């Protein structure tokens, strides 16, 4: 009878360990899913920020921004006339 109880306790102990492992795997799976969704959200925000940066780095946009910040007007057109040097 002692051996039977000892074997039964051993089997129940192993079963308990397996159940605990399974619960840990399920909990880790939910954690991984949550982190993956966070990664996707961060990647989306990163893409939006990259588009904003590339749009703000265009030369025309930088020029407009600088003119507004420095209160500069549009440049005047100036024509240069090249003076011909007399040929000897």
PDB file of N, CA and C in Angstrom:
ATOM      1  N   UNK A   1       0.810  -1.192   0.000  1.00  0.00           N
ATOM      2  CA  UNK A   1       0.000   0.000   0.000  1.00  0.00           C
ATOM      3  C   UNK A   1       0.854   1.256   0.000  1.00  0.00           C
ATOM      4  N   UNK A   2       1.995   1.215   0.742  1.00  0.00           N
ATOM      5  CA  UNK A   2       2.888   2.367   0.767  1.00  0.00           C
ATOM      6  C   UNK A   2       3.423   2.676  -0.620  1.00  0.00           C
ATOM      7  N   UNK A   3       3.800   1.625  -1.337  1.00  0.00           N
ATOM      8  CA  UNK A   3       4.357   1.835  -2.674  1.00  0.00           C
ATOM      9  C   UNK A   3       3.319   2.433  -3.609  1.00  0.00           C
ATOM     10  N   UNK A   4       2.110   2.011  -3.485  1.00  0.00           N
ATOM     11  CA  UNK A   4       1.045   2.545  -4.333  1.00  0.00           C
ATOM     12  C   UNK A   4       0.859   4.041  -4.082  1.00  0.00           C
ATOM     13  N   UNK A   5       0.831   4.447  -2.813  1.00  0.00           N
ATOM     14  CA  UNK A   5       0.675   5.870  -2.484  1.00  0.00           C
ATOM     15  C   UNK A   5       1.886   6.687  -2.954  1.00  0.00           C
ATOM     16  N   UNK A   6       3.061   6.114  -2.825  1.00  0.00           N
ATOM     17  CA  UNK A   6       4.269   6.805  -3.265  1.00  0.00           C
ATOM     18  C   UNK A   6       4.263   7.006  -4.776  1.00  0.00           C
ATOM     19  N   UNK A   7       3.867   5.977  -5.494  1.00  0.00           N
ATOM     20  CA  UNK A   7       3.777   6.082  -6.959  1.00  0.00           C
ATOM     21  C   UNK A   7       2.699   7.080  -7.356  1.00  0.00           C
ATOM     22  N   UNK A   8       1.574   7.083  -6.664  1.00  0.00           N
ATOM     23  CA  UNK A   8       0.483   8.006  -6.952  1.00  0.00           C
ATOM     24  C   UNK A   8       0.921   9.457  -6.709  1.00  0.00           C
ATOM     25  N   UNK A   9       1.614   9.718  -5.617  1.00  0.00           N
ATOM     26  CA  UNK A   9       2.116  11.063  -5.324  1.00  0.00           C
ATOM     27  C   UNK A   9       3.122  11.486  -6.392  1.00  0.00           C
ATOM     28  N   UNK A  10       3.976  10.554  -6.806  1.00  0.00           N
ATOM     29  CA  UNK A  10       4.964  10.856  -7.835  1.00  0.00           C
ATOM     30  C   UNK A  10       4.290  11.221  -9.159  1.00  0.00           C
ATOM     31  N   UNK A  11       3.292  10.449  -9.551  1.00  0.00           N
ATOM     32  CA  UNK A  11       2.565  10.709 -10.802  1.00  0.00           C
ATOM     33  C   UNK A  11       1.830  12.047 -10.720  1.00  0.00           C
ATOM     34  N   UNK A  12       1.171  12.306  -9.583  1.00  0.00           N
ATOM     35  CA  UNK A  12       0.475  13.588  -9.426  1.00  0.00           C
ATOM     36  C   UNK A  12       1.466  14.757  -9.431  1.00  0.00           C
ATOM     37  N   UNK A  13       2.642  14.572  -8.868  1.00  0.00           N
ATOM     38  CA  UNK A  13       3.678  15.601  -8.895  1.00  0.00           C
ATOM     39  C   UNK A  13       4.128  15.906 -10.315  1.00  0.00           C
ATOM     40  N   UNK A  14       4.365  14.846 -11.102  1.00  0.00           N
ATOM     41  CA  UNK A  14       4.748  15.033 -12.505  1.00  0.00           C
ATOM     42  C   UNK A  14       3.638  15.728 -13.289  1.00  0.00           C
ATOM     43  N   UNK A  15       2.398  15.315 -13.044  1.00  0.00           N
ATOM     44  CA  UNK A  15       1.267  15.953 -13.732  1.00  0.00           C
ATOM     45  C   UNK A  15       1.172  17.429 -13.350  1.00  0.00           C
ATOM     46  N   UNK A  16       1.390  17.758 -12.094  1.00  0.00           N
ATOM     47  CA  UNK A  16       1.361  19.146 -11.645  1.00  0.00           C
ATOM     48  C   UNK A  16       2.446  19.976 -12.306  1.00  0.00           C
ATOM     49  N   UNK A  17       3.631  19.377 -12.434  1.00  0.00           N
ATOM     50  CA  UNK A  17       4.725  20.079 -13.103  1.00  0.00           C
ATOM     51  C   UNK A  17       4.382  20.346 -14.563  1.00  0.00           C
ATOM     52  N   UNK A  18       3.789  19.365 -15.236  1.00  0.00           N
ATOM     53  CA  UNK A  18       3.414  19.541 -16.646  1.00  0.00           C
ATOM     54  C   UNK A  18       2.343  20.625 -16.799  1.00  0.00           C
ATOM     55  N   UNK A  19       1.362  20.630 -15.905  1.00  0.00           N
ATOM     56  CA  UNK A  19       0.316  21.660 -15.955  1.00  0.00           C
ATOM     57  C   UNK A  19       0.936  23.041 -15.745  1.00  0.00           C
ATOM     58  N   UNK A  20       1.857  23.147 -14.802  1.00  0.00           N
ATOM     59  CA  UNK A  20       2.519  24.424 -14.539  1.00  0.00           C
ATOM     60  C   UNK A  20       3.306  24.891 -15.773  1.00  0.00           C
ATOM     61  N   UNK A  21       4.024  23.955 -16.422  1.00  0.00           N
ATOM     62  CA  UNK A  21       4.782  24.302 -17.630  1.00  0.00           C
ATOM     63  C   UNK A  21       3.839  24.808 -18.725  1.00  0.00           C
ATOM     64  N   UNK A  22       2.711  24.127 -18.873  1.00  0.00           N
ATOM     65  CA  UNK A  22       1.745  24.526 -19.899  1.00  0.00           C
ATOM     66  C   UNK A  22       1.192  25.917 -19.597  1.00  0.00           C
ATOM     67  N   UNK A  23       0.885  26.190 -18.343  1.00  0.00           N
ATOM     68  CA  UNK A  23       0.372  27.512 -17.975  1.00  0.00           C
ATOM     69  C   UNK A  23       1.415  28.590 -18.259  1.00  0.00           C
ATOM     70  N   UNK A  24       2.674  28.311 -17.982  1.00  0.00           N
ATOM     71  CA  UNK A  24       3.748  29.269 -18.253  1.00  0.00           C
ATOM     72  C   UNK A  24       3.881  29.514 -19.752  1.00  0.00           C
ATOM     73  N   UNK A  25       3.759  28.449 -20.553  1.00  0.00           N
ATOM     74  CA  UNK A  25       3.839  28.606 -22.004  1.00  0.00           C
ATOM     75  C   UNK A  25       2.697  29.471 -22.531  1.00  0.00           C
ATOM     76  N   UNK A  26       1.500  29.250 -22.012  1.00  0.00           N
ATOM     77  CA  UNK A  26       0.349  30.053 -22.439  1.00  0.00           C
ATOM     78  C   UNK A  26       0.550  31.511 -22.047  1.00  0.00           C
ATOM     79  N   UNK A  27       1.003  31.752 -20.831  1.00  0.00           N
ATOM     80  CA  UNK A  27       1.222  33.120 -20.371  1.00  0.00           C
ATOM     81  C   UNK A  27       2.313  33.798 -21.206  1.00  0.00           C
ATOM     82  N   UNK A  28       3.386  33.080 -21.506  1.00  0.00           N
ATOM     83  CA  UNK A  28       4.448  33.633 -22.340  1.00  0.00           C
ATOM     84  C   UNK A  28       3.948  33.906 -23.761  1.00  0.00           C
ATOM     85  N   UNK A  29       3.053  33.040 -24.248  1.00  0.00           N
ATOM     86  CA  UNK A  29       2.473  33.260 -25.579  1.00  0.00           C
ATOM     87  C   UNK A  29       1.684  34.558 -25.631  1.00  0.00           C
ATOM     88  N   UNK A  30       0.889  34.838 -24.604  1.00  0.00           N
ATOM     89  CA  UNK A  30       0.141  36.091 -24.561  1.00  0.00           C
ATOM     90  C   UNK A  30       1.088  37.289 -24.474  1.00  0.00           C
ATOM     91  N   UNK A  31       2.157  37.134 -23.716  1.00  0.00           N
ATOM     92  CA  UNK A  31       3.137  38.213 -23.611  1.00  0.00           C
ATOM     93  C   UNK A  31       3.780  38.483 -24.963  1.00  0.00           C
ATOM     94  N   UNK A  32       4.131  37.426 -25.682  1.00  0.00           N
ATOM     95  CA  UNK A  32       4.738  37.580 -27.004  1.00  0.00           C
ATOM     96  C   UNK A  32       3.768  38.263 -27.959  1.00  0.00           C
ATOM     97  N   UNK A  33       2.501  37.880 -27.941  1.00  0.00           N
ATOM     98  CA  UNK A  33       1.513  38.512 -28.812  1.00  0.00           C
ATOM     99  C   UNK A  33       1.369  39.994 -28.498  1.00  0.00           C
ATOM    100  N   UNK A  34       1.341  40.333 -27.220  1.00  0.00           N
ATOM    101  CA  UNK A  34       1.211  41.729 -26.827  1.00  0.00           C
ATOM    102  C   UNK A  34       2.426  42.540 -27.288  1.00  0.00           C
ATOM    103  N   UNK A  35       3.613  41.965 -27.134  1.00  0.00           N
ATOM    104  CA  UNK A  35       4.825  42.656 -27.566  1.00  0.00           C
ATOM    105  C   UNK A  35       4.893  42.790 -29.084  1.00  0.00           C
ATOM    106  N   UNK A  36       4.422  41.786 -29.800  1.00  0.00           N
ATOM    107  CA  UNK A  36       4.404  41.877 -31.260  1.00  0.00           C
ATOM    108  C   UNK A  36       3.462  42.978 -31.724  1.00  0.00           C
ATOM    109  N   UNK A  37       2.318  43.127 -31.065  1.00  0.00           N
ATOM    110  CA  UNK A  37       1.408  44.208 -31.454  1.00  0.00           C
ATOM    111  C   UNK A  37       2.023  45.567 -31.140  1.00  0.00           C
ATOM    112  N   UNK A  38       2.756  45.671 -30.039  1.00  0.00           N
ATOM    113  CA  UNK A  38       3.451  46.921 -29.730  1.00  0.00           C
ATOM    114  C   UNK A  38       4.511  47.222 -30.779  1.00  0.00           C
ATOM    115  N   UNK A  39       5.228  46.186 -31.212  1.00  0.00           N
ATOM    116  CA  UNK A  39       6.251  46.372 -32.248  1.00  0.00           C
ATOM    117  C   UNK A  39       5.615  46.877 -33.533  1.00  0.00           C
ATOM    118  N   UNK A  40       4.482  46.311 -33.926  1.00  0.00           N
ATOM    119  CA  UNK A  40       3.802  46.762 -35.142  1.00  0.00           C
ATOM    120  C   UNK A  40       3.390  48.220 -35.021  1.00  0.00           C
ATOM    121  N   UNK A  41       2.864  48.611 -33.860  1.00  0.00           N
ATOM    122  CA  UNK A  41       2.463  50.004 -33.669  1.00  0.00           C
ATOM    123  C   UNK A  41       3.663  50.939 -33.747  1.00  0.00           C
ATOM    124  N   UNK A  42       4.759  50.545 -33.142  1.00  0.00           N
ATOM    125  CA  UNK A  42       5.962  51.384 -33.170  1.00  0.00           C
ATOM    126  C   UNK A  42       6.508  51.478 -34.596  1.00  0.00           C
ATOM    127  N   UNK A  43       6.455  50.375 -35.344  1.00  0.00           N
ATOM    128  CA  UNK A  43       6.924  50.408 -36.727  1.00  0.00           C
ATOM    129  C   UNK A  43       6.052  51.326 -37.580  1.00  0.00           C
ATOM    130  N   UNK A  44       4.735  51.327 -37.335  1.00  0.00           N
ATOM    131  CA  UNK A  44       3.843  52.239 -38.063  1.00  0.00           C
ATOM    132  C   UNK A  44       4.185  53.686 -37.741  1.00  0.00           C
ATOM    133  N   UNK A  45       4.378  53.985 -36.453  1.00  0.00           N
ATOM    134  CA  UNK A  45       4.743  55.347 -36.057  1.00  0.00           C
ATOM    135  C   UNK A  45       6.094  55.738 -36.651  1.00  0.00           C
ATOM    136  N   UNK A  46       7.014  54.797 -36.700  1.00  0.00           N
ATOM    137  CA  UNK A  46       8.324  55.053 -37.282  1.00  0.00           C
ATOM    138  C   UNK A  46       8.193  55.412 -38.765  1.00  0.00           C
ATOM    139  N   UNK A  47       7.355  54.689 -39.482  1.00  0.00           N
ATOM    140  CA  UNK A  47       7.133  54.986 -40.897  1.00  0.00           C
ATOM    141  C   UNK A  47       6.546  56.372 -41.098  1.00  0.00           C
ATOM    142  N   UNK A  48       5.581  56.739 -40.249  1.00  0.00           N
ATOM    143  CA  UNK A  48       4.978  58.073 -40.343  1.00  0.00           C
ATOM    144  C   UNK A  48       6.029  59.145 -40.089  1.00  0.00           C
ATOM    145  N   UNK A  49       6.852  58.941 -39.080  1.00  0.00           N
ATOM    146  CA  UNK A  49       7.897  59.919 -38.754  1.00  0.00           C
ATOM    147  C   UNK A  49       8.942  60.011 -39.866  1.00  0.00           C
ATOM    148  N   UNK A  50       9.281  58.894 -40.478  1.00  0.00           N
ATOM    149  CA  UNK A  50      10.236  58.929 -41.590  1.00  0.00           C
ATOM    150  C   UNK A  50       9.670  59.714 -42.766  1.00  0.00           C
ATOM    151  N   UNK A  51       8.369  59.538 -43.049  1.00  0.00           N
ATOM    152  CA  UNK A  51       7.746  60.299 -44.133  1.00  0.00           C
ATOM    153  C   UNK A  51       7.745  61.786 -43.816  1.00  0.00           C
ATOM    154  N   UNK A  52       7.476  62.125 -42.552  1.00  0.00           N
ATOM    155  CA  UNK A  52       7.497  63.535 -42.157  1.00  0.00           C
ATOM    156  C   UNK A  52       8.895  64.126 -42.302  1.00  0.00           C
ATOM    157  N   UNK A  53       9.894  63.359 -41.915  1.00  0.00           N
ATOM    158  CA  UNK A  53      11.273  63.839 -42.024  1.00  0.00           C
ATOM    159  C   UNK A  53      11.646  64.042 -43.487  1.00  0.00           C
ATOM    160  N   UNK A  54      11.331  63.078 -44.330  1.00  0.00           N
ATOM    161  CA  UNK A  54      11.704  63.204 -45.736  1.00  0.00           C
ATOM    162  C   UNK A  54      10.966  64.367 -46.385  1.00  0.00           C
ATOM    163  N   UNK A  55       9.726  64.614 -45.977  1.00  0.00           N
ATOM    164  CA  UNK A  55       8.984  65.747 -46.537  1.00  0.00           C
ATOM    165  C   UNK A  55       9.574  67.062 -46.052  1.00  0.00           C
ATOM    166  N   UNK A  56      10.022  67.113 -44.812  1.00  0.00           N
ATOM    167  CA  UNK A  56      10.543  68.366 -44.282  1.00  0.00           C
ATOM    168  C   UNK A  56      11.961  68.642 -44.754  1.00  0.00           C
ATOM    169  N   UNK A  57      12.634  67.645 -45.305  1.00  0.00           N
ATOM    170  CA  UNK A  57      13.995  67.851 -45.775  1.00  0.00           C
ATOM    171  C   UNK A  57      14.070  68.262 -47.242  1.00  0.00           C
ATOM    172  N   UNK A  58      12.941  68.406 -47.909  1.00  0.00           N
ATOM    173  CA  UNK A  58      12.997  68.844 -49.291  1.00  0.00           C
ATOM    174  C   UNK A  58      13.506  70.287 -49.320  1.00  0.00           C
ATOM    175  N   UNK A  59      14.281  70.624 -50.350  1.00  0.00           N
ATOM    176  CA  UNK A  59      14.928  71.939 -50.402  1.00  0.00           C
ATOM    177  C   UNK A  59      13.919  73.080 -50.461  1.00  0.00           C
ATOM    178  N   UNK A  60      12.872  72.917 -51.219  1.00  0.00           N
ATOM    179  CA  UNK A  60      11.874  73.982 -51.326  1.00  0.00           C
ATOM    180  C   UNK A  60      11.219  74.233 -49.973  1.00  0.00           C
ATOM    181  N   UNK A  61      10.896  73.167 -49.279  1.00  0.00           N
ATOM    182  CA  UNK A  61      10.250  73.309 -47.976  1.00  0.00           C
ATOM    183  C   UNK A  61      11.198  73.955 -46.966  1.00  0.00           C
ATOM    184  N   UNK A  62      12.471  73.579 -47.015  1.00  0.00           N
ATOM    185  CA  UNK A  62      13.451  74.205 -46.133  1.00  0.00           C
ATOM    186  C   UNK A  62      13.597  75.695 -46.434  1.00  0.00           C
ATOM    187  N   UNK A  63      13.582  76.029 -47.704  1.00  0.00           N
ATOM    188  CA  UNK A  63      13.703  77.440 -48.084  1.00  0.00           C
ATOM    189  C   UNK A  63      12.508  78.241 -47.588  1.00  0.00           C
ATOM    190  N   UNK A  64      11.315  77.713 -47.764  1.00  0.00           N
ATOM    191  CA  UNK A  64      10.107  78.405 -47.292  1.00  0.00           C
ATOM    192  C   UNK A  64      10.151  78.557 -45.774  1.00  0.00           C
ATOM    193  N   UNK A  65      10.537  77.519 -45.086  1.00  0.00           N
ATOM    194  CA  UNK A  65      10.616  77.566 -43.623  1.00  0.00           C
ATOM    195  C   UNK A  65      11.639  78.619 -43.183  1.00  0.00           C
ATOM    196  N   UNK A  66      12.804  78.627 -43.821  1.00  0.00           N
ATOM    197  CA  UNK A  66      13.843  79.591 -43.451  1.00  0.00           C
ATOM    198  C   UNK A  66      13.389  81.021 -43.732  1.00  0.00           C
ATOM    199  N   UNK A  67      12.720  81.231 -44.845  1.00  0.00           N
ATOM    200  CA  UNK A  67      12.242  82.586 -45.172  1.00  0.00           C
ATOM    201  C   UNK A  67      11.192  83.053 -44.165  1.00  0.00           C
ATOM    202  N   UNK A  68      10.329  82.166 -43.741  1.00  0.00           N
ATOM    203  CA  UNK A  68       9.318  82.552 -42.756  1.00  0.00           C
ATOM    204  C   UNK A  68       9.959  82.847 -41.406  1.00  0.00           C
ATOM    205  N   UNK A  69      10.927  82.021 -40.994  1.00  0.00           N
ATOM    206  CA  UNK A  69      11.568  82.223 -39.689  1.00  0.00           C
ATOM    207  C   UNK A  69      12.444  83.469 -39.661  1.00  0.00           C
ATOM    208  N   UNK A  70      13.098  83.767 -40.791  1.00  0.00           N
ATOM    209  CA  UNK A  70      14.012  84.902 -40.836  1.00  0.00           C
ATOM    210  C   UNK A  70      13.359  86.158 -41.416  1.00  0.00           C
ATOM    211  N   UNK A  71      12.063  86.074 -41.701  1.00  0.00           N
ATOM    212  CA  UNK A  71      11.309  87.197 -42.282  1.00  0.00           C
ATOM    213  C   UNK A  71      11.971  87.737 -43.541  1.00  0.00           C
ATOM    214  N   UNK A  72      12.364  86.849 -44.397  1.00  0.00           N
ATOM    215  CA  UNK A  72      12.969  87.245 -45.661  1.00  0.00           C
ATOM    216  C   UNK A  72      11.910  87.213 -46.746  1.00  0.00           C
ATOM    217  N   UNK A  73      12.059  88.109 -47.712  1.00  0.00           N
ATOM    218  CA  UNK A  73      11.144  88.105 -48.850  1.00  0.00           C
ATOM    219  C   UNK A  73      11.688  87.217 -49.947  1.00  0.00           C
ATOM    220  N   UNK A  74      10.964  87.184 -51.017  1.00  0.00           N
ATOM    221  CA  UNK A  74      11.427  86.418 -52.162  1.00  0.00           C
ATOM    222  C   UNK A  74      12.617  87.150 -52.778  1.00  0.00           C
ATOM    223  N   UNK A  75      13.571  86.430 -53.304  1.00  0.00           N
ATOM    224  CA  UNK A  75      14.732  87.096 -53.904  1.00  0.00           C
ATOM    225  C   UNK A  75      14.325  87.833 -55.180  1.00  0.00           C
ATOM    226  N   UNK A  76      14.944  88.985 -55.387  1.00  0.00           N
ATOM    227  CA  UNK A  76      14.690  89.750 -56.611  1.00  0.00           C
ATOM    228  C   UNK A  76      15.479  89.125 -57.749  1.00  0.00           C
ATOM    229  N   UNK A  77      14.894  89.251 -58.920  1.00  0.00           N
ATOM    230  CA  UNK A  77      15.609  88.761 -60.093  1.00  0.00           C
ATOM    231  C   UNK A  77      16.623  89.799 -60.500  1.00  0.00           C
ATOM    232  N   UNK A  78      17.800  89.360 -60.733  1.00  0.00           N
ATOM    233  CA  UNK A  78      18.872  90.248 -61.166  1.00  0.00           C
ATOM    234  C   UNK A  78      19.453  89.672 -62.429  1.00  0.00           C
ATOM    235  N   UNK A  79      19.585  90.551 -63.410  1.00  0.00           N
ATOM    236  CA  UNK A  79      20.189  90.107 -64.664  1.00  0.00           C
ATOM    237  C   UNK A  79      21.607  90.633 -64.723  1.00  0.00           C
ATOM    238  N   UNK A  80      22.474  89.777 -65.056  1.00  0.00           N
ATOM    239  CA  UNK A  80      23.865  90.168 -65.203  1.00  0.00           C
ATOM    240  C   UNK A  80      24.167  90.285 -66.689  1.00  0.00           C
ATOM    241  N   UNK A  81      24.780  91.385 -67.011  1.00  0.00           N
ATOM    242  CA  UNK A  81      25.202  91.585 -68.403  1.00  0.00           C
ATOM    243  C   UNK A  81      26.713  91.487 -68.413  1.00  0.00           C
ATOM    244  N   UNK A  82      27.152  90.575 -69.180  1.00  0.00           N
ATOM    245  CA  UNK A  82      28.590  90.380 -69.242  1.00  0.00           C
ATOM    246  C   UNK A  82      29.169  91.449 -70.179  1.00  0.00           C
ATOM    247  N   UNK A  83      30.142  92.121 -69.629  1.00  0.00           N
ATOM    248  CA  UNK A  83      30.802  93.165 -70.427  1.00  0.00           C
ATOM    249  C   UNK A  83      31.887  92.498 -71.231  1.00  0.00           C
ATOM    250  N   UNK A  84      31.821  92.737 -72.505  1.00  0.00           N
ATOM    251  CA  UNK A  84      32.817  92.155 -73.378  1.00  0.00           C
ATOM    252  C   UNK A  84      34.117  92.942 -73.255  1.00  0.00           C
ATOM    253  N   UNK A  85      35.188  92.235 -73.111  1.00  0.00           N
ATOM    254  CA  UNK A  85      36.477  92.932 -73.068  1.00  0.00           C
ATOM    255  C   UNK A  85      36.950  93.154 -74.504  1.00  0.00           C
ATOM    256  N   UNK A  86      37.535  94.313 -74.716  1.00  0.00           N
ATOM    257  CA  UNK A  86      38.007  94.589 -76.089  1.00  0.00           C
ATOM    258  C   UNK A  86      39.108  93.616 -76.480  1.00  0.00           C
ATOM    259  N   UNK A  87      39.005  93.143 -77.668  1.00  0.00           N
ATOM    260  CA  UNK A  87      39.999  92.185 -78.151  1.00  0.00           C
ATOM    261  C   UNK A  87      41.112  92.936 -78.846  1.00  0.00           C
ATOM    262  N   UNK A  88      42.253  92.500 -78.569  1.00  0.00           N
ATOM    263  CA  UNK A  88      43.412  93.168 -79.199  1.00  0.00           C
ATOM    264  C   UNK A  88      43.700  92.578 -80.529  1.00  0.00           C
TER     265      UNK A  88
END
